[in-house]
PDB file of N, CA and C in Angstrom:
ATOM      1  N   MET A   1     126.867  98.965 121.795  1.00  0.00           N
ATOM      2  CA  MET A   1     127.613  99.926 122.593  1.00  0.00           C
ATOM      3  C   MET A   1     126.738 101.166 122.799  1.00  0.00           C
ATOM      4  N   SER A   2     126.756 101.671 124.012  1.00  0.00           N
ATOM      5  CA  SER A   2     125.969 102.865 124.326  1.00  0.00           C
ATOM      6  C   SER A   2     126.657 104.118 123.764  1.00  0.00           C
ATOM      7  N   TRP A   3     125.932 105.220 123.727  1.00  0.00           N
ATOM      8  CA  TRP A   3     126.523 106.476 123.259  1.00  0.00           C
ATOM      9  C   TRP A   3     127.666 106.894 124.181  1.00  0.00           C
ATOM     10  N   HIS A   4     127.497 106.631 125.466  1.00  0.00           N
ATOM     11  CA  HIS A   4     128.547 106.981 126.425  1.00  0.00           C
ATOM     12  C   HIS A   4     129.812 106.174 126.162  1.00  0.00           C
ATOM     13  N   GLY A   5     129.643 104.907 125.882  1.00  0.00           N
ATOM     14  CA  GLY A   5     130.787 104.052 125.562  1.00  0.00           C
ATOM     15  C   GLY A   5     131.473 104.489 124.283  1.00  0.00           C
ATOM     16  N   ALA A   6     130.680 104.881 123.291  1.00  0.00           N
ATOM     17  CA  ALA A   6     131.248 105.333 122.018  1.00  0.00           C
ATOM     18  C   ALA A   6     132.043 106.622 122.199  1.00  0.00           C
ATOM     19  N   VAL A   7     131.520 107.558 122.987  1.00  0.00           N
ATOM     20  CA  VAL A   7     132.240 108.810 123.241  1.00  0.00           C
ATOM     21  C   VAL A   7     133.516 108.529 124.029  1.00  0.00           C
ATOM     22  N   HIS A   8     133.429 107.634 124.986  1.00  0.00           N
ATOM     23  CA  HIS A   8     134.610 107.271 125.781  1.00  0.00           C
ATOM     24  C   HIS A   8     135.673 106.643 124.895  1.00  0.00           C
ATOM     25  N   GLU A   9     135.273 105.757 124.012  1.00  0.00           N
ATOM     26  CA  GLU A   9     136.222 105.118 123.105  1.00  0.00           C
ATOM     27  C   GLU A   9     136.853 106.123 122.144  1.00  0.00           C
ATOM     28  N   ALA A  10     136.048 107.034 121.618  1.00  0.00           N
ATOM     29  CA  ALA A  10     136.581 108.068 120.723  1.00  0.00           C
ATOM     30  C   ALA A  10     137.577 108.956 121.465  1.00  0.00           C
ATOM     31  N   GLY A  11     137.256 109.310 122.700  1.00  0.00           N
ATOM     32  CA  GLY A  11     138.176 110.112 123.508  1.00  0.00           C
ATOM     33  C   GLY A  11     139.482 109.389 123.768  1.00  0.00           C
ATOM     34  N   PHE A  12     139.399 108.097 124.018  1.00  0.00           N
ATOM     35  CA  PHE A  12     140.612 107.311 124.248  1.00  0.00           C
ATOM     36  C   PHE A  12     141.489 107.291 123.001  1.00  0.00           C
ATOM     37  N   VAL A  13     140.886 107.091 121.850  1.00  0.00           N
ATOM     38  CA  VAL A  13     141.662 107.058 120.603  1.00  0.00           C
ATOM     39  C   VAL A  13     142.329 108.412 120.364  1.00  0.00           C
ATOM     40  N   LEU A  14     141.603 109.505 120.560  1.00  0.00           N
ATOM     41  CA  LEU A  14     142.189 110.836 120.391  1.00  0.00           C
ATOM     42  C   LEU A  14     143.327 111.078 121.383  1.00  0.00           C
ATOM     43  N   THR A  15     143.155 110.622 122.607  1.00  0.00           N
ATOM     44  CA  THR A  15     144.202 110.770 123.616  1.00  0.00           C
ATOM     45  C   THR A  15     145.457 110.009 123.208  1.00  0.00           C
ATOM     46  N   GLN A  16     145.293 108.793 122.723  1.00  0.00           N
ATOM     47  CA  GLN A  16     146.441 107.986 122.326  1.00  0.00           C
ATOM     48  C   GLN A  16     147.169 108.600 121.133  1.00  0.00           C
ATOM     49  N   LEU A  17     146.414 109.065 120.164  1.00  0.00           N
ATOM     50  CA  LEU A  17     147.041 109.707 118.998  1.00  0.00           C
ATOM     51  C   LEU A  17     147.768 110.987 119.408  1.00  0.00           C
ATOM     52  N   SER A  18     147.178 111.740 120.313  1.00  0.00           N
ATOM     53  CA  SER A  18     147.818 112.966 120.798  1.00  0.00           C
ATOM     54  C   SER A  18     149.104 112.657 121.545  1.00  0.00           C
ATOM     55  N   PHE A  19     149.093 111.617 122.367  1.00  0.00           N
ATOM     56  CA  PHE A  19     150.303 111.233 123.090  1.00  0.00           C
ATOM     57  C   PHE A  19     151.405 110.823 122.117  1.00  0.00           C
ATOM     58  N   LEU A  20     151.056 110.040 121.120  1.00  0.00           N
ATOM     59  CA  LEU A  20     152.059 109.612 120.140  1.00  0.00           C
ATOM     60  C   LEU A  20     152.657 110.813 119.413  1.00  0.00           C
ATOM     61  N   ALA A  21     151.811 111.736 118.979  1.00  0.00           N
ATOM     62  CA  ALA A  21     152.295 112.930 118.279  1.00  0.00           C
ATOM     63  C   ALA A  21     153.181 113.776 119.202  1.00  0.00           C
ATOM     64  N   ALA A  22     152.738 113.981 120.428  1.00  0.00           N
ATOM     65  CA  ALA A  22     153.522 114.776 121.375  1.00  0.00           C
ATOM     66  C   ALA A  22     154.856 114.101 121.684  1.00  0.00           C
ATOM     67  N   GLY A  23     154.838 112.789 121.815  1.00  0.00           N
ATOM     68  CA  GLY A  23     156.083 112.063 122.089  1.00  0.00           C
ATOM     69  C   GLY A  23     157.096 112.199 120.968  1.00  0.00           C
ATOM     70  N   VAL A  24     156.627 112.128 119.735  1.00  0.00           N
ATOM     71  CA  VAL A  24     157.525 112.281 118.581  1.00  0.00           C
ATOM     72  C   VAL A  24     158.072 113.701 118.520  1.00  0.00           C
ATOM     73  N   VAL A  25     157.198 114.692 118.694  1.00  0.00           N
ATOM     74  CA  VAL A  25     157.634 116.099 118.657  1.00  0.00           C
ATOM     75  C   VAL A  25     158.641 116.369 119.776  1.00  0.00           C
ATOM     76  N   LEU A  26     158.342 115.902 120.987  1.00  0.00           N
ATOM     77  CA  LEU A  26     159.254 116.134 122.113  1.00  0.00           C
ATOM     78  C   LEU A  26     160.577 115.402 121.928  1.00  0.00           C
ATOM     79  N   ALA A  27     160.536 114.179 121.416  1.00  0.00           N
ATOM     80  CA  ALA A  27     161.781 113.441 121.177  1.00  0.00           C
ATOM     81  C   ALA A  27     162.659 114.188 120.178  1.00  0.00           C
ATOM     82  N   ALA A  28     162.050 114.714 119.120  1.00  0.00           N
ATOM     83  CA  ALA A  28     162.816 115.478 118.132  1.00  0.00           C
ATOM     84  C   ALA A  28     163.388 116.751 118.753  1.00  0.00           C
ATOM     85  N   ARG A  29     162.579 117.446 119.550  1.00  0.00           N
ATOM     86  CA  ARG A  29     163.033 118.680 120.198  1.00  0.00           C
ATOM     87  C   ARG A  29     164.189 118.407 121.156  1.00  0.00           C
ATOM     88  N   PHE A  30     164.031 117.381 121.981  1.00  0.00           N
ATOM     89  CA  PHE A  30     165.101 117.050 122.926  1.00  0.00           C
ATOM     90  C   PHE A  30     166.353 116.577 122.199  1.00  0.00           C
ATOM     91  N   GLY A  31     166.172 115.873 121.099  1.00  0.00           N
ATOM     92  CA  GLY A  31     167.331 115.435 120.325  1.00  0.00           C
ATOM     93  C   GLY A  31     168.094 116.609 119.734  1.00  0.00           C
ATOM     94  N   ARG A  32     167.363 117.601 119.206  1.00  0.00           N
ATOM     95  CA  ARG A  32     168.010 118.789 118.638  1.00  0.00           C
ATOM     96  C   ARG A  32     168.722 119.617 119.699  1.00  0.00           C
ATOM     97  N   SER A  33     168.184 119.615 120.914  1.00  0.00           N
ATOM     98  CA  SER A  33     168.800 120.423 121.982  1.00  0.00           C
ATOM     99  C   SER A  33     169.812 119.610 122.802  1.00  0.00           C
ATOM    100  N   HIS A  34     170.191 118.447 122.283  1.00  0.00           N
ATOM    101  CA  HIS A  34     171.215 117.588 122.896  1.00  0.00           C
ATOM    102  C   HIS A  34     170.842 117.129 124.300  1.00  0.00           C
ATOM    103  N   GLN A  35     169.558 116.972 124.562  1.00  0.00           N
ATOM    104  CA  GLN A  35     169.072 116.379 125.803  1.00  0.00           C
ATOM    105  C   GLN A  35     168.662 114.942 125.485  1.00  0.00           C
ATOM    106  N   HIS A  36     169.677 114.119 125.278  1.00  0.00           N
ATOM    107  CA  HIS A  36     169.443 112.776 124.753  1.00  0.00           C
ATOM    108  C   HIS A  36     168.709 111.870 125.740  1.00  0.00           C
ATOM    109  N   GLY A  37     168.873 112.085 127.020  1.00  0.00           N
ATOM    110  CA  GLY A  37     168.155 111.286 128.002  1.00  0.00           C
ATOM    111  C   GLY A  37     166.649 111.448 127.878  1.00  0.00           C
ATOM    112  N   TRP A  38     166.215 112.705 127.741  1.00  0.00           N
ATOM    113  CA  TRP A  38     164.788 112.967 127.578  1.00  0.00           C
ATOM    114  C   TRP A  38     164.290 112.444 126.238  1.00  0.00           C
ATOM    115  N   ALA A  39     165.098 112.561 125.200  1.00  0.00           N
ATOM    116  CA  ALA A  39     164.694 112.050 123.883  1.00  0.00           C
ATOM    117  C   ALA A  39     164.496 110.537 123.939  1.00  0.00           C
ATOM    118  N   VAL A  40     165.417 109.843 124.583  1.00  0.00           N
ATOM    119  CA  VAL A  40     165.305 108.389 124.731  1.00  0.00           C
ATOM    120  C   VAL A  40     164.079 108.035 125.567  1.00  0.00           C
ATOM    121  N   ALA A  41     163.827 108.796 126.628  1.00  0.00           N
ATOM    122  CA  ALA A  41     162.655 108.536 127.473  1.00  0.00           C
ATOM    123  C   ALA A  41     161.363 108.682 126.675  1.00  0.00           C
ATOM    124  N   CYS A  42     161.293 109.687 125.805  1.00  0.00           N
ATOM    125  CA  CYS A  42     160.098 109.882 124.980  1.00  0.00           C
ATOM    126  C   CYS A  42     159.892 108.707 124.031  1.00  0.00           C
ATOM    127  N   VAL A  43     160.950 108.315 123.345  1.00  0.00           N
ATOM    128  CA  VAL A  43     160.850 107.207 122.392  1.00  0.00           C
ATOM    129  C   VAL A  43     160.529 105.898 123.119  1.00  0.00           C
ATOM    130  N   ALA A  44     161.177 105.668 124.255  1.00  0.00           N
ATOM    131  CA  ALA A  44     160.930 104.437 125.008  1.00  0.00           C
ATOM    132  C   ALA A  44     159.493 104.368 125.518  1.00  0.00           C
ATOM    133  N   SER A  45     158.965 105.502 125.956  1.00  0.00           N
ATOM    134  CA  SER A  45     157.591 105.472 126.461  1.00  0.00           C
ATOM    135  C   SER A  45     156.586 105.245 125.325  1.00  0.00           C
ATOM    136  N   ILE A  46     156.870 105.789 124.159  1.00  0.00           N
ATOM    137  CA  ILE A  46     155.998 105.538 123.007  1.00  0.00           C
ATOM    138  C   ILE A  46     156.025 104.059 122.642  1.00  0.00           C
ATOM    139  N   ILE A  47     157.219 103.510 122.511  1.00  0.00           N
ATOM    140  CA  ILE A  47     157.351 102.095 122.154  1.00  0.00           C
ATOM    141  C   ILE A  47     156.714 101.211 123.220  1.00  0.00           C
ATOM    142  N   GLY A  48     156.977 101.529 124.487  1.00  0.00           N
ATOM    143  CA  GLY A  48     156.416 100.731 125.569  1.00  0.00           C
ATOM    144  C   GLY A  48     154.899 100.794 125.615  1.00  0.00           C
ATOM    145  N   ALA A  49     154.349 101.988 125.509  1.00  0.00           N
ATOM    146  CA  ALA A  49     152.893 102.148 125.588  1.00  0.00           C
ATOM    147  C   ALA A  49     152.191 101.445 124.431  1.00  0.00           C
ATOM    148  N   VAL A  50     152.725 101.605 123.233  1.00  0.00           N
ATOM    149  CA  VAL A  50     152.107 100.967 122.068  1.00  0.00           C
ATOM    150  C   VAL A  50     152.257  99.456 122.148  1.00  0.00           C
ATOM    151  N   SER A  51     153.419  98.980 122.564  1.00  0.00           N
ATOM    152  CA  SER A  51     153.652  97.539 122.661  1.00  0.00           C
ATOM    153  C   SER A  51     152.730  96.894 123.686  1.00  0.00           C
ATOM    154  N   VAL A  52     152.634  97.504 124.853  1.00  0.00           N
ATOM    155  CA  VAL A  52     151.777  96.943 125.904  1.00  0.00           C
ATOM    156  C   VAL A  52     150.318  96.929 125.454  1.00  0.00           C
ATOM    157  N   ALA A  53     149.874  98.009 124.821  1.00  0.00           N
ATOM    158  CA  ALA A  53     148.471  98.095 124.394  1.00  0.00           C
ATOM    159  C   ALA A  53     148.164  97.141 123.238  1.00  0.00           C
ATOM    160  N   ALA A  54     149.107  96.952 122.340  1.00  0.00           N
ATOM    161  CA  ALA A  54     148.831  96.204 121.113  1.00  0.00           C
ATOM    162  C   ALA A  54     149.082  94.704 121.218  1.00  0.00           C
ATOM    163  N   LEU A  55     150.001  94.299 122.065  1.00  0.00           N
ATOM    164  CA  LEU A  55     150.401  92.893 122.101  1.00  0.00           C
ATOM    165  C   LEU A  55     149.819  92.195 123.321  1.00  0.00           C
ATOM    166  N   GLY A  56     149.395  90.968 123.125  1.00  0.00           N
ATOM    167  CA  GLY A  56     148.917  90.188 124.252  1.00  0.00           C
ATOM    168  C   GLY A  56     147.522  89.643 124.047  1.00  0.00           C
ATOM    169  N   ASP A  57     147.032  89.027 125.095  1.00  0.00           N
ATOM    170  CA  ASP A  57     145.742  88.373 125.094  1.00  0.00           C
ATOM    171  C   ASP A  57     144.610  89.399 125.027  1.00  0.00           C
ATOM    172  N   PRO A  58     143.701  89.284 124.059  1.00  0.00           N
ATOM    173  CA  PRO A  58     142.585  90.232 123.968  1.00  0.00           C
ATOM    174  C   PRO A  58     141.709  90.254 125.233  1.00  0.00           C
ATOM    175  N   ALA A  59     141.676  89.163 125.970  1.00  0.00           N
ATOM    176  CA  ALA A  59     140.867  89.125 127.187  1.00  0.00           C
ATOM    177  C   ALA A  59     141.430  90.052 128.264  1.00  0.00           C
ATOM    178  N   ARG A  60     142.679  90.409 128.158  1.00  0.00           N
ATOM    179  CA  ARG A  60     143.325  91.281 129.140  1.00  0.00           C
ATOM    180  C   ARG A  60     143.556  92.699 128.603  1.00  0.00           C
ATOM    181  N   LEU A  61     142.767  93.094 127.621  1.00  0.00           N
ATOM    182  CA  LEU A  61     142.943  94.394 126.985  1.00  0.00           C
ATOM    183  C   LEU A  61     142.792  95.547 127.979  1.00  0.00           C
ATOM    184  N   ALA A  62     141.800  95.483 128.837  1.00  0.00           N
ATOM    185  CA  ALA A  62     141.574  96.579 129.791  1.00  0.00           C
ATOM    186  C   ALA A  62     142.797  96.778 130.691  1.00  0.00           C
ATOM    187  N   LEU A  63     143.373  95.699 131.179  1.00  0.00           N
ATOM    188  CA  LEU A  63     144.565  95.790 132.025  1.00  0.00           C
ATOM    189  C   LEU A  63     145.745  96.358 131.244  1.00  0.00           C
ATOM    190  N   ARG A  64     145.910  95.911 130.008  1.00  0.00           N
ATOM    191  CA  ARG A  64     147.014  96.414 129.188  1.00  0.00           C
ATOM    192  C   ARG A  64     146.852  97.904 128.901  1.00  0.00           C
ATOM    193  N   LEU A  65     145.622  98.360 128.702  1.00  0.00           N
ATOM    194  CA  LEU A  65     145.392  99.782 128.440  1.00  0.00           C
ATOM    195  C   LEU A  65     145.684 100.622 129.677  1.00  0.00           C
ATOM    196  N   VAL A  66     145.400 100.090 130.851  1.00  0.00           N
ATOM    197  CA  VAL A  66     145.735 100.803 132.093  1.00  0.00           C
ATOM    198  C   VAL A  66     147.249 100.911 132.236  1.00  0.00           C
ATOM    199  N   ILE A  67     147.965  99.844 131.959  1.00  0.00           N
ATOM    200  CA  ILE A  67     149.431  99.866 132.037  1.00  0.00           C
ATOM    201  C   ILE A  67     150.004 100.832 131.002  1.00  0.00           C
ATOM    202  N   SER A  68     149.445 100.822 129.797  1.00  0.00           N
ATOM    203  CA  SER A  68     149.887 101.737 128.747  1.00  0.00           C
ATOM    204  C   SER A  68     149.685 103.186 129.178  1.00  0.00           C
ATOM    205  N   ALA A  69     148.519 103.482 129.737  1.00  0.00           N
ATOM    206  CA  ALA A  69     148.239 104.844 130.210  1.00  0.00           C
ATOM    207  C   ALA A  69     149.178 105.227 131.351  1.00  0.00           C
ATOM    208  N   ALA A  70     149.521 104.268 132.203  1.00  0.00           N
ATOM    209  CA  ALA A  70     150.460 104.547 133.304  1.00  0.00           C
ATOM    210  C   ALA A  70     151.839 104.908 132.760  1.00  0.00           C
ATOM    211  N   LEU A  71     152.280 104.236 131.716  1.00  0.00           N
ATOM    212  CA  LEU A  71     153.562 104.586 131.090  1.00  0.00           C
ATOM    213  C   LEU A  71     153.509 106.003 130.521  1.00  0.00           C
ATOM    214  N   GLU A  72     152.425 106.318 129.870  1.00  0.00           N
ATOM    215  CA  GLU A  72     152.275 107.653 129.275  1.00  0.00           C
ATOM    216  C   GLU A  72     152.245 108.733 130.355  1.00  0.00           C
ATOM    217  N   LEU A  73     151.467 108.517 131.395  1.00  0.00           N
ATOM    218  CA  LEU A  73     151.386 109.504 132.471  1.00  0.00           C
ATOM    219  C   LEU A  73     152.700 109.595 133.242  1.00  0.00           C
ATOM    220  N   GLY A  74     153.427 108.499 133.299  1.00  0.00           N
ATOM    221  CA  GLY A  74     154.752 108.539 133.923  1.00  0.00           C
ATOM    222  C   GLY A  74     155.688 109.476 133.178  1.00  0.00           C
ATOM    223  N   LEU A  75     155.673 109.418 131.858  1.00  0.00           N
ATOM    224  CA  LEU A  75     156.512 110.331 131.074  1.00  0.00           C
ATOM    225  C   LEU A  75     156.073 111.770 131.268  1.00  0.00           C
ATOM    226  N   VAL A  76     154.773 112.017 131.209  1.00  0.00           N
ATOM    227  CA  VAL A  76     154.266 113.381 131.382  1.00  0.00           C
ATOM    228  C   VAL A  76     154.646 113.911 132.765  1.00  0.00           C
ATOM    229  N   SER A  77     154.525 113.080 133.782  1.00  0.00           N
ATOM    230  CA  SER A  77     154.891 113.492 135.140  1.00  0.00           C
ATOM    231  C   SER A  77     156.380 113.791 135.246  1.00  0.00           C
ATOM    232  N   ALA A  78     157.213 112.939 134.650  1.00  0.00           N
ATOM    233  CA  ALA A  78     158.655 113.160 134.683  1.00  0.00           C
ATOM    234  C   ALA A  78     159.031 114.456 133.962  1.00  0.00           C
ATOM    235  N   LEU A  79     158.398 114.716 132.828  1.00  0.00           N
ATOM    236  CA  LEU A  79     158.675 115.955 132.101  1.00  0.00           C
ATOM    237  C   LEU A  79     158.246 117.177 132.907  1.00  0.00           C
ATOM    238  N   ALA A  80     157.099 117.094 133.555  1.00  0.00           N
ATOM    239  CA  ALA A  80     156.630 118.218 134.378  1.00  0.00           C
ATOM    240  C   ALA A  80     157.567 118.450 135.553  1.00  0.00           C
ATOM    241  N   LEU A  81     157.987 117.385 136.216  1.00  0.00           N
ATOM    242  CA  LEU A  81     158.913 117.515 137.342  1.00  0.00           C
ATOM    243  C   LEU A  81     160.252 118.076 136.877  1.00  0.00           C
ATOM    244  N   GLY A  82     160.746 117.597 135.752  1.00  0.00           N
ATOM    245  CA  GLY A  82     161.997 118.130 135.208  1.00  0.00           C
ATOM    246  C   GLY A  82     161.908 119.602 134.896  1.00  0.00           C
ATOM    247  N   SER A  83     160.797 120.021 134.350  1.00  0.00           N
ATOM    248  CA  SER A  83     160.587 121.431 134.045  1.00  0.00           C
ATOM    249  C   SER A  83     160.535 122.267 135.328  1.00  0.00           C
ATOM    250  N   LEU A  84     159.839 121.783 136.327  1.00  0.00           N
ATOM    251  CA  LEU A  84     159.756 122.503 137.602  1.00  0.00           C
ATOM    252  C   LEU A  84     161.126 122.620 138.268  1.00  0.00           C
ATOM    253  N   LEU A  85     161.871 121.531 138.267  1.00  0.00           N
ATOM    254  CA  LEU A  85     163.196 121.555 138.882  1.00  0.00           C
ATOM    255  C   LEU A  85     164.146 122.484 138.131  1.00  0.00           C
ATOM    256  N   GLN A  86     164.000 122.557 136.822  1.00  0.00           N
ATOM    257  CA  GLN A  86     164.847 123.451 136.030  1.00  0.00           C
ATOM    258  C   GLN A  86     164.533 124.913 136.334  1.00  0.00           C
ATOM    259  N   ARG A  87     163.279 125.221 136.585  1.00  0.00           N
ATOM    260  CA  ARG A  87     162.891 126.593 136.915  1.00  0.00           C
ATOM    261  C   ARG A  87     163.383 127.008 138.302  1.00  0.00           C
ATOM    262  N   VAL A  88     163.476 126.047 139.207  1.00  0.00           N
ATOM    263  CA  VAL A  88     163.899 126.355 140.570  1.00  0.00           C
ATOM    264  C   VAL A  88     165.381 126.736 140.607  1.00  0.00           C
ATOM    265  N   ARG A  89     166.150 126.131 139.711  1.00  0.00           N
ATOM    266  CA  ARG A  89     167.602 126.381 139.693  1.00  0.00           C
ATOM    267  C   ARG A  89     167.917 127.762 139.315  1.00  0.00           C
TER     268      ARG A  89
END
């Protein structure tokens, strides 16, 4: 593996760990503030992203990681849109 590949892989691992930590923190926060829909969305996206990335044929790992990242970015986008819409009101 090249140095570039190693740095890319390390960055991916840090990104995934950060997403998992943020998802847990946000789910707890939304649960405490009685925003159960957002809490469920956070937990579902964590479970979905980890499941898609971890389970399946190793030959299709790259595709599964793209799908996992799409789930994660979907949650981040939904949270950003929700925040923007709340500010507009």
